[in-house]
Amino acid sequence: MNEPLLIWAKLFLRLSLVLLALGILPLLAVSYVFTGFDPLIPVFLSITVAPLGAVTLVVTLILFLVALVRRPPPGPS
């Protein structure tokens, strides 16, 4: 695979996982574990941060596909 694209794809994958975790996990925690707390901040996180995580996940998939397509042909070993 194309090495710089692969590095960027891995970094975007990590970023998207962190953003999705920040957007979804607090909402799940307030919904199921801490039911007595006000869910305002977790709802705001799920509305603002989780879509960014989804977009970066799509960008990650595109980068992985581009890295696969731009793979150099195997040469003699």
PDB file of N, CA and C in Angstrom:
ATOM      1  N   MET A   1       0.837  -1.193   0.000  1.00  0.00           N
ATOM      2  CA  MET A   1       0.000   0.000   0.000  1.00  0.00           C
ATOM      3  C   MET A   1       0.871   1.243   0.000  1.00  0.00           C
ATOM      4  N   ASN A   2       0.286   2.319  -0.371  1.00  0.00           N
ATOM      5  CA  ASN A   2       0.985   3.595  -0.364  1.00  0.00           C
ATOM      6  C   ASN A   2       1.188   4.014   1.086  1.00  0.00           C
ATOM      7  N   GLU A   3       2.423   4.124   1.504  1.00  0.00           N
ATOM      8  CA  GLU A   3       2.736   4.312   2.925  1.00  0.00           C
ATOM      9  C   GLU A   3       2.179   5.611   3.524  1.00  0.00           C
ATOM     10  N   PRO A   4       2.343   6.791   2.902  1.00  0.00           N
ATOM     11  CA  PRO A   4       1.775   8.001   3.516  1.00  0.00           C
ATOM     12  C   PRO A   4       0.246   7.954   3.629  1.00  0.00           C
ATOM     13  N   LEU A   5      -0.412   7.429   2.610  1.00  0.00           N
ATOM     14  CA  LEU A   5      -1.873   7.322   2.675  1.00  0.00           C
ATOM     15  C   LEU A   5      -2.310   6.355   3.763  1.00  0.00           C
ATOM     16  N   LEU A   6      -1.555   5.299   3.938  1.00  0.00           N
ATOM     17  CA  LEU A   6      -1.875   4.335   4.981  1.00  0.00           C
ATOM     18  C   LEU A   6      -1.708   4.950   6.367  1.00  0.00           C
ATOM     19  N   ILE A   7      -0.677   5.761   6.544  1.00  0.00           N
ATOM     20  CA  ILE A   7      -0.469   6.437   7.826  1.00  0.00           C
ATOM     21  C   ILE A   7      -1.614   7.410   8.103  1.00  0.00           C
ATOM     22  N   TRP A   8      -2.002   8.187   7.090  1.00  0.00           N
ATOM     23  CA  TRP A   8      -3.105   9.126   7.272  1.00  0.00           C
ATOM     24  C   TRP A   8      -4.416   8.393   7.550  1.00  0.00           C
ATOM     25  N   ALA A   9      -4.624   7.283   6.887  1.00  0.00           N
ATOM     26  CA  ALA A   9      -5.852   6.519   7.110  1.00  0.00           C
ATOM     27  C   ALA A   9      -5.904   5.969   8.530  1.00  0.00           C
ATOM     28  N   LYS A  10      -4.775   5.491   9.033  1.00  0.00           N
ATOM     29  CA  LYS A  10      -4.746   5.002  10.414  1.00  0.00           C
ATOM     30  C   LYS A  10      -4.997   6.119  11.410  1.00  0.00           C
ATOM     31  N   LEU A  11      -4.425   7.289  11.142  1.00  0.00           N
ATOM     32  CA  LEU A  11      -4.651   8.424  12.046  1.00  0.00           C
ATOM     33  C   LEU A  11      -6.106   8.885  12.010  1.00  0.00           C
ATOM     34  N   PHE A  12      -6.689   8.917  10.817  1.00  0.00           N
ATOM     35  CA  PHE A  12      -8.103   9.289  10.722  1.00  0.00           C
ATOM     36  C   PHE A  12      -8.997   8.246  11.380  1.00  0.00           C
ATOM     37  N   LEU A  13      -8.613   6.989  11.314  1.00  0.00           N
ATOM     38  CA  LEU A  13      -9.389   5.950  11.981  1.00  0.00           C
ATOM     39  C   LEU A  13      -9.371   6.156  13.493  1.00  0.00           C
ATOM     40  N   ARG A  14      -8.219   6.458  14.040  1.00  0.00           N
ATOM     41  CA  ARG A  14      -8.130   6.728  15.479  1.00  0.00           C
ATOM     42  C   ARG A  14      -8.948   7.951  15.859  1.00  0.00           C
ATOM     43  N   LEU A  15      -8.849   9.013  15.036  1.00  0.00           N
ATOM     44  CA  LEU A  15      -9.617  10.223  15.317  1.00  0.00           C
ATOM     45  C   LEU A  15     -11.112   9.945  15.267  1.00  0.00           C
ATOM     46  N   SER A  16     -11.554   9.195  14.286  1.00  0.00           N
ATOM     47  CA  SER A  16     -12.987   8.916  14.176  1.00  0.00           C
ATOM     48  C   SER A  16     -13.477   8.057  15.332  1.00  0.00           C
ATOM     49  N   LEU A  17     -12.670   7.105  15.778  1.00  0.00           N
ATOM     50  CA  LEU A  17     -13.077   6.288  16.926  1.00  0.00           C
ATOM     51  C   LEU A  17     -13.168   7.120  18.200  1.00  0.00           C
ATOM     52  N   VAL A  18     -12.235   8.030  18.400  1.00  0.00           N
ATOM     53  CA  VAL A  18     -12.287   8.900  19.579  1.00  0.00           C
ATOM     54  C   VAL A  18     -13.502   9.813  19.525  1.00  0.00           C
ATOM     55  N   LEU A  19     -13.765  10.406  18.358  1.00  0.00           N
ATOM     56  CA  LEU A  19     -14.923  11.300  18.243  1.00  0.00           C
ATOM     57  C   LEU A  19     -16.234  10.544  18.426  1.00  0.00           C
ATOM     58  N   LEU A  20     -16.333   9.365  17.864  1.00  0.00           N
ATOM     59  CA  LEU A  20     -17.550   8.583  18.048  1.00  0.00           C
ATOM     60  C   LEU A  20     -17.726   8.163  19.505  1.00  0.00           C
ATOM     61  N   ALA A  21     -16.624   7.817  20.161  1.00  0.00           N
ATOM     62  CA  ALA A  21     -16.717   7.446  21.575  1.00  0.00           C
ATOM     63  C   ALA A  21     -17.130   8.638  22.419  1.00  0.00           C
ATOM     64  N   LEU A  22     -16.573   9.814  22.124  1.00  0.00           N
ATOM     65  CA  LEU A  22     -16.959  11.016  22.877  1.00  0.00           C
ATOM     66  C   LEU A  22     -18.407  11.417  22.618  1.00  0.00           C
ATOM     67  N   GLY A  23     -18.922  11.077  21.466  1.00  0.00           N
ATOM     68  CA  GLY A  23     -20.287  11.443  21.146  1.00  0.00           C
ATOM     69  C   GLY A  23     -21.323  10.457  21.640  1.00  0.00           C
ATOM     70  N   ILE A  24     -20.967   9.184  21.725  1.00  0.00           N
ATOM     71  CA  ILE A  24     -21.967   8.160  22.031  1.00  0.00           C
ATOM     72  C   ILE A  24     -21.884   7.637  23.459  1.00  0.00           C
ATOM     73  N   LEU A  25     -20.677   7.417  23.969  1.00  0.00           N
ATOM     74  CA  LEU A  25     -20.539   6.806  25.297  1.00  0.00           C
ATOM     75  C   LEU A  25     -21.143   7.637  26.439  1.00  0.00           C
ATOM     76  N   PRO A  26     -20.964   8.970  26.475  1.00  0.00           N
ATOM     77  CA  PRO A  26     -21.629   9.712  27.555  1.00  0.00           C
ATOM     78  C   PRO A  26     -23.147   9.626  27.497  1.00  0.00           C
ATOM     79  N   LEU A  27     -23.700   9.599  26.297  1.00  0.00           N
ATOM     80  CA  LEU A  27     -25.149   9.479  26.162  1.00  0.00           C
ATOM     81  C   LEU A  27     -25.634   8.122  26.660  1.00  0.00           C
ATOM     82  N   LEU A  28     -24.895   7.070  26.338  1.00  0.00           N
ATOM     83  CA  LEU A  28     -25.259   5.743  26.829  1.00  0.00           C
ATOM     84  C   LEU A  28     -25.097   5.639  28.339  1.00  0.00           C
ATOM     85  N   ALA A  29     -24.058   6.267  28.868  1.00  0.00           N
ATOM     86  CA  ALA A  29     -23.836   6.222  30.312  1.00  0.00           C
ATOM     87  C   ALA A  29     -24.951   6.938  31.068  1.00  0.00           C
ATOM     88  N   VAL A  30     -25.378   8.076  30.575  1.00  0.00           N
ATOM     89  CA  VAL A  30     -26.464   8.812  31.238  1.00  0.00           C
ATOM     90  C   VAL A  30     -27.795   8.094  31.054  1.00  0.00           C
ATOM     91  N   SER A  31     -27.966   7.440  29.930  1.00  0.00           N
ATOM     92  CA  SER A  31     -29.235   6.757  29.676  1.00  0.00           C
ATOM     93  C   SER A  31     -29.415   5.513  30.533  1.00  0.00           C
ATOM     94  N   TYR A  32     -28.323   4.758  30.735  1.00  0.00           N
ATOM     95  CA  TYR A  32     -28.468   3.466  31.397  1.00  0.00           C
ATOM     96  C   TYR A  32     -27.856   3.392  32.794  1.00  0.00           C
ATOM     97  N   VAL A  33     -26.771   4.106  33.051  1.00  0.00           N
ATOM     98  CA  VAL A  33     -26.082   3.972  34.328  1.00  0.00           C
ATOM     99  C   VAL A  33     -26.456   5.108  35.276  1.00  0.00           C
ATOM    100  N   PHE A  34     -26.255   6.330  34.835  1.00  0.00           N
ATOM    101  CA  PHE A  34     -26.528   7.507  35.663  1.00  0.00           C
ATOM    102  C   PHE A  34     -27.859   8.123  35.253  1.00  0.00           C
ATOM    103  N   THR A  35     -28.942   7.456  35.585  1.00  0.00           N
ATOM    104  CA  THR A  35     -30.262   7.906  35.117  1.00  0.00           C
ATOM    105  C   THR A  35     -30.770   9.137  35.839  1.00  0.00           C
ATOM    106  N   GLY A  36     -30.178   9.499  36.971  1.00  0.00           N
ATOM    107  CA  GLY A  36     -30.648  10.661  37.712  1.00  0.00           C
ATOM    108  C   GLY A  36     -30.067  11.975  37.248  1.00  0.00           C
ATOM    109  N   PHE A  37     -29.068  11.948  36.362  1.00  0.00           N
ATOM    110  CA  PHE A  37     -28.419  13.172  35.911  1.00  0.00           C
ATOM    111  C   PHE A  37     -29.149  13.779  34.728  1.00  0.00           C
ATOM    112  N   ASP A  38     -28.931  15.078  34.541  1.00  0.00           N
ATOM    113  CA  ASP A  38     -29.514  15.788  33.406  1.00  0.00           C
ATOM    114  C   ASP A  38     -28.743  15.409  32.135  1.00  0.00           C
ATOM    115  N   PRO A  39     -29.400  14.914  31.111  1.00  0.00           N
ATOM    116  CA  PRO A  39     -28.689  14.444  29.909  1.00  0.00           C
ATOM    117  C   PRO A  39     -28.393  15.540  28.890  1.00  0.00           C
ATOM    118  N   LEU A  40     -28.374  16.803  29.303  1.00  0.00           N
ATOM    119  CA  LEU A  40     -28.220  17.892  28.342  1.00  0.00           C
ATOM    120  C   LEU A  40     -26.847  17.869  27.657  1.00  0.00           C
ATOM    121  N   ILE A  41     -25.781  17.773  28.426  1.00  0.00           N
ATOM    122  CA  ILE A  41     -24.440  17.789  27.834  1.00  0.00           C
ATOM    123  C   ILE A  41     -24.183  16.539  26.990  1.00  0.00           C
ATOM    124  N   PRO A  42     -24.540  15.326  27.449  1.00  0.00           N
ATOM    125  CA  PRO A  42     -24.352  14.177  26.544  1.00  0.00           C
ATOM    126  C   PRO A  42     -25.159  14.265  25.250  1.00  0.00           C
ATOM    127  N   VAL A  43     -26.331  14.877  25.308  1.00  0.00           N
ATOM    128  CA  VAL A  43     -27.120  15.047  24.080  1.00  0.00           C
ATOM    129  C   VAL A  43     -26.419  16.020  23.144  1.00  0.00           C
ATOM    130  N   PHE A  44     -25.881  17.119  23.700  1.00  0.00           N
ATOM    131  CA  PHE A  44     -25.129  18.058  22.862  1.00  0.00           C
ATOM    132  C   PHE A  44     -23.900  17.392  22.252  1.00  0.00           C
ATOM    133  N   LEU A  45     -23.227  16.537  23.029  1.00  0.00           N
ATOM    134  CA  LEU A  45     -22.072  15.826  22.490  1.00  0.00           C
ATOM    135  C   LEU A  45     -22.481  14.879  21.371  1.00  0.00           C
ATOM    136  N   SER A  46     -23.601  14.209  21.545  1.00  0.00           N
ATOM    137  CA  SER A  46     -24.029  13.278  20.503  1.00  0.00           C
ATOM    138  C   SER A  46     -24.492  14.013  19.246  1.00  0.00           C
ATOM    139  N   ILE A  47     -24.991  15.228  19.390  1.00  0.00           N
ATOM    140  CA  ILE A  47     -25.440  15.992  18.218  1.00  0.00           C
ATOM    141  C   ILE A  47     -24.268  16.631  17.491  1.00  0.00           C
ATOM    142  N   THR A  48     -23.228  17.062  18.219  1.00  0.00           N
ATOM    143  CA  THR A  48     -22.136  17.797  17.577  1.00  0.00           C
ATOM    144  C   THR A  48     -20.919  16.939  17.269  1.00  0.00           C
ATOM    145  N   VAL A  49     -20.529  16.075  18.168  1.00  0.00           N
ATOM    146  CA  VAL A  49     -19.268  15.352  18.010  1.00  0.00           C
ATOM    147  C   VAL A  49     -19.454  14.043  17.243  1.00  0.00           C
ATOM    148  N   ALA A  50     -20.521  13.338  17.475  1.00  0.00           N
ATOM    149  CA  ALA A  50     -20.722  12.049  16.804  1.00  0.00           C
ATOM    150  C   ALA A  50     -20.824  12.181  15.278  1.00  0.00           C
ATOM    151  N   PRO A  51     -21.503  13.191  14.711  1.00  0.00           N
ATOM    152  CA  PRO A  51     -21.489  13.315  13.243  1.00  0.00           C
ATOM    153  C   PRO A  51     -20.095  13.595  12.681  1.00  0.00           C
ATOM    154  N   LEU A  52     -19.279  14.340  13.416  1.00  0.00           N
ATOM    155  CA  LEU A  52     -17.905  14.553  12.964  1.00  0.00           C
ATOM    156  C   LEU A  52     -17.135  13.238  12.946  1.00  0.00           C
ATOM    157  N   GLY A  53     -17.381  12.399  13.933  1.00  0.00           N
ATOM    158  CA  GLY A  53     -16.760  11.083  13.947  1.00  0.00           C
ATOM    159  C   GLY A  53     -17.208  10.229  12.780  1.00  0.00           C
ATOM    160  N   ALA A  54     -18.476  10.331  12.436  1.00  0.00           N
ATOM    161  CA  ALA A  54     -18.980   9.564  11.288  1.00  0.00           C
ATOM    162  C   ALA A  54     -18.369  10.068   9.977  1.00  0.00           C
ATOM    163  N   VAL A  55     -18.218  11.373   9.846  1.00  0.00           N
ATOM    164  CA  VAL A  55     -17.614  11.932   8.631  1.00  0.00           C
ATOM    165  C   VAL A  55     -16.158  11.515   8.524  1.00  0.00           C
ATOM    166  N   THR A  56     -15.422  11.565   9.629  1.00  0.00           N
ATOM    167  CA  THR A  56     -14.028  11.144   9.574  1.00  0.00           C
ATOM    168  C   THR A  56     -13.906   9.642   9.316  1.00  0.00           C
ATOM    169  N   LEU A  57     -14.887   8.869   9.758  1.00  0.00           N
ATOM    170  CA  LEU A  57     -14.875   7.441   9.443  1.00  0.00           C
ATOM    171  C   LEU A  57     -15.066   7.206   7.948  1.00  0.00           C
ATOM    172  N   VAL A  58     -15.921   7.987   7.312  1.00  0.00           N
ATOM    173  CA  VAL A  58     -16.107   7.888   5.858  1.00  0.00           C
ATOM    174  C   VAL A  58     -14.825   8.299   5.134  1.00  0.00           C
ATOM    175  N   VAL A  59     -14.183   9.372   5.610  1.00  0.00           N
ATOM    176  CA  VAL A  59     -12.915   9.805   5.010  1.00  0.00           C
ATOM    177  C   VAL A  59     -11.852   8.717   5.176  1.00  0.00           C
ATOM    178  N   THR A  60     -11.868   8.046   6.318  1.00  0.00           N
ATOM    179  CA  THR A  60     -10.924   6.953   6.550  1.00  0.00           C
ATOM    180  C   THR A  60     -11.136   5.826   5.544  1.00  0.00           C
ATOM    181  N   LEU A  61     -12.376   5.462   5.306  1.00  0.00           N
ATOM    182  CA  LEU A  61     -12.657   4.402   4.331  1.00  0.00           C
ATOM    183  C   LEU A  61     -12.210   4.804   2.929  1.00  0.00           C
ATOM    184  N   ILE A  62     -12.414   6.063   2.573  1.00  0.00           N
ATOM    185  CA  ILE A  62     -11.972   6.546   1.262  1.00  0.00           C
ATOM    186  C   ILE A  62     -10.454   6.494   1.166  1.00  0.00           C
ATOM    187  N   LEU A  63      -9.757   6.905   2.237  1.00  0.00           N
ATOM    188  CA  LEU A  63      -8.296   6.864   2.213  1.00  0.00           C
ATOM    189  C   LEU A  63      -7.773   5.439   2.098  1.00  0.00           C
ATOM    190  N   PHE A  64      -8.400   4.500   2.806  1.00  0.00           N
ATOM    191  CA  PHE A  64      -7.986   3.103   2.687  1.00  0.00           C
ATOM    192  C   PHE A  64      -8.201   2.583   1.267  1.00  0.00           C
ATOM    193  N   LEU A  65      -9.328   2.939   0.662  1.00  0.00           N
ATOM    194  CA  LEU A  65      -9.585   2.494  -0.709  1.00  0.00           C
ATOM    195  C   LEU A  65      -8.602   3.104  -1.700  1.00  0.00           C
ATOM    196  N   VAL A  66      -8.282   4.373  -1.537  1.00  0.00           N
ATOM    197  CA  VAL A  66      -7.311   5.026  -2.414  1.00  0.00           C
ATOM    198  C   VAL A  66      -5.927   4.409  -2.226  1.00  0.00           C
ATOM    199  N   ALA A  67      -5.572   4.083  -0.985  1.00  0.00           N
ATOM    200  CA  ALA A  67      -4.276   3.442  -0.737  1.00  0.00           C
ATOM    201  C   ALA A  67      -4.222   2.060  -1.377  1.00  0.00           C
ATOM    202  N   LEU A  68      -5.334   1.350  -1.391  1.00  0.00           N
ATOM    203  CA  LEU A  68      -5.361   0.037  -2.044  1.00  0.00           C
ATOM    204  C   LEU A  68      -5.240   0.166  -3.561  1.00  0.00           C
ATOM    205  N   VAL A  69      -5.895   1.169  -4.139  1.00  0.00           N
ATOM    206  CA  VAL A  69      -5.876   1.337  -5.589  1.00  0.00           C
ATOM    207  C   VAL A  69      -4.497   1.798  -6.052  1.00  0.00           C
ATOM    208  N   ARG A  70      -3.846   2.648  -5.285  1.00  0.00           N
ATOM    209  CA  ARG A  70      -2.553   3.185  -5.681  1.00  0.00           C
ATOM    210  C   ARG A  70      -1.387   2.285  -5.287  1.00  0.00           C
ATOM    211  N   ARG A  71      -1.669   1.058  -4.939  1.00  0.00           N
ATOM    212  CA  ARG A  71      -0.639   0.111  -4.551  1.00  0.00           C
ATOM    213  C   ARG A  71       0.292  -0.134  -5.742  1.00  0.00           C
ATOM    214  N   PRO A  72       1.586  -0.096  -5.505  1.00  0.00           N
ATOM    215  CA  PRO A  72       2.499  -0.344  -6.644  1.00  0.00           C
ATOM    216  C   PRO A  72       2.438  -1.817  -7.067  1.00  0.00           C
ATOM    217  N   PRO A  73       2.651  -2.078  -8.346  1.00  0.00           N
ATOM    218  CA  PRO A  73       2.622  -3.467  -8.804  1.00  0.00           C
ATOM    219  C   PRO A  73       3.793  -4.250  -8.194  1.00  0.00           C
ATOM    220  N   PRO A  74       3.573  -5.521  -7.926  1.00  0.00           N
ATOM    221  CA  PRO A  74       4.667  -6.308  -7.331  1.00  0.00           C
ATOM    222  C   PRO A  74       5.795  -6.477  -8.344  1.00  0.00           C
ATOM    223  N   GLY A  75       6.992  -6.201  -7.850  1.00  0.00           N
ATOM    224  CA  GLY A  75       8.169  -6.301  -8.706  1.00  0.00           C
ATOM    225  C   GLY A  75       8.910  -7.607  -8.441  1.00  0.00           C
ATOM    226  N   PRO A  76      10.002  -7.803  -9.172  1.00  0.00           N
ATOM    227  CA  PRO A  76      10.778  -9.012  -8.932  1.00  0.00           C
ATOM    228  C   PRO A  76      11.448  -8.962  -7.557  1.00  0.00           C
ATOM    229  N   SER A  77      11.480 -10.105  -6.899  1.00  0.00           N
ATOM    230  CA  SER A  77      12.069 -10.126  -5.580  1.00  0.00           C
ATOM    231  C   SER A  77      13.489 -10.624  -5.563  1.00  0.00           C
TER     232      SER A  77
END
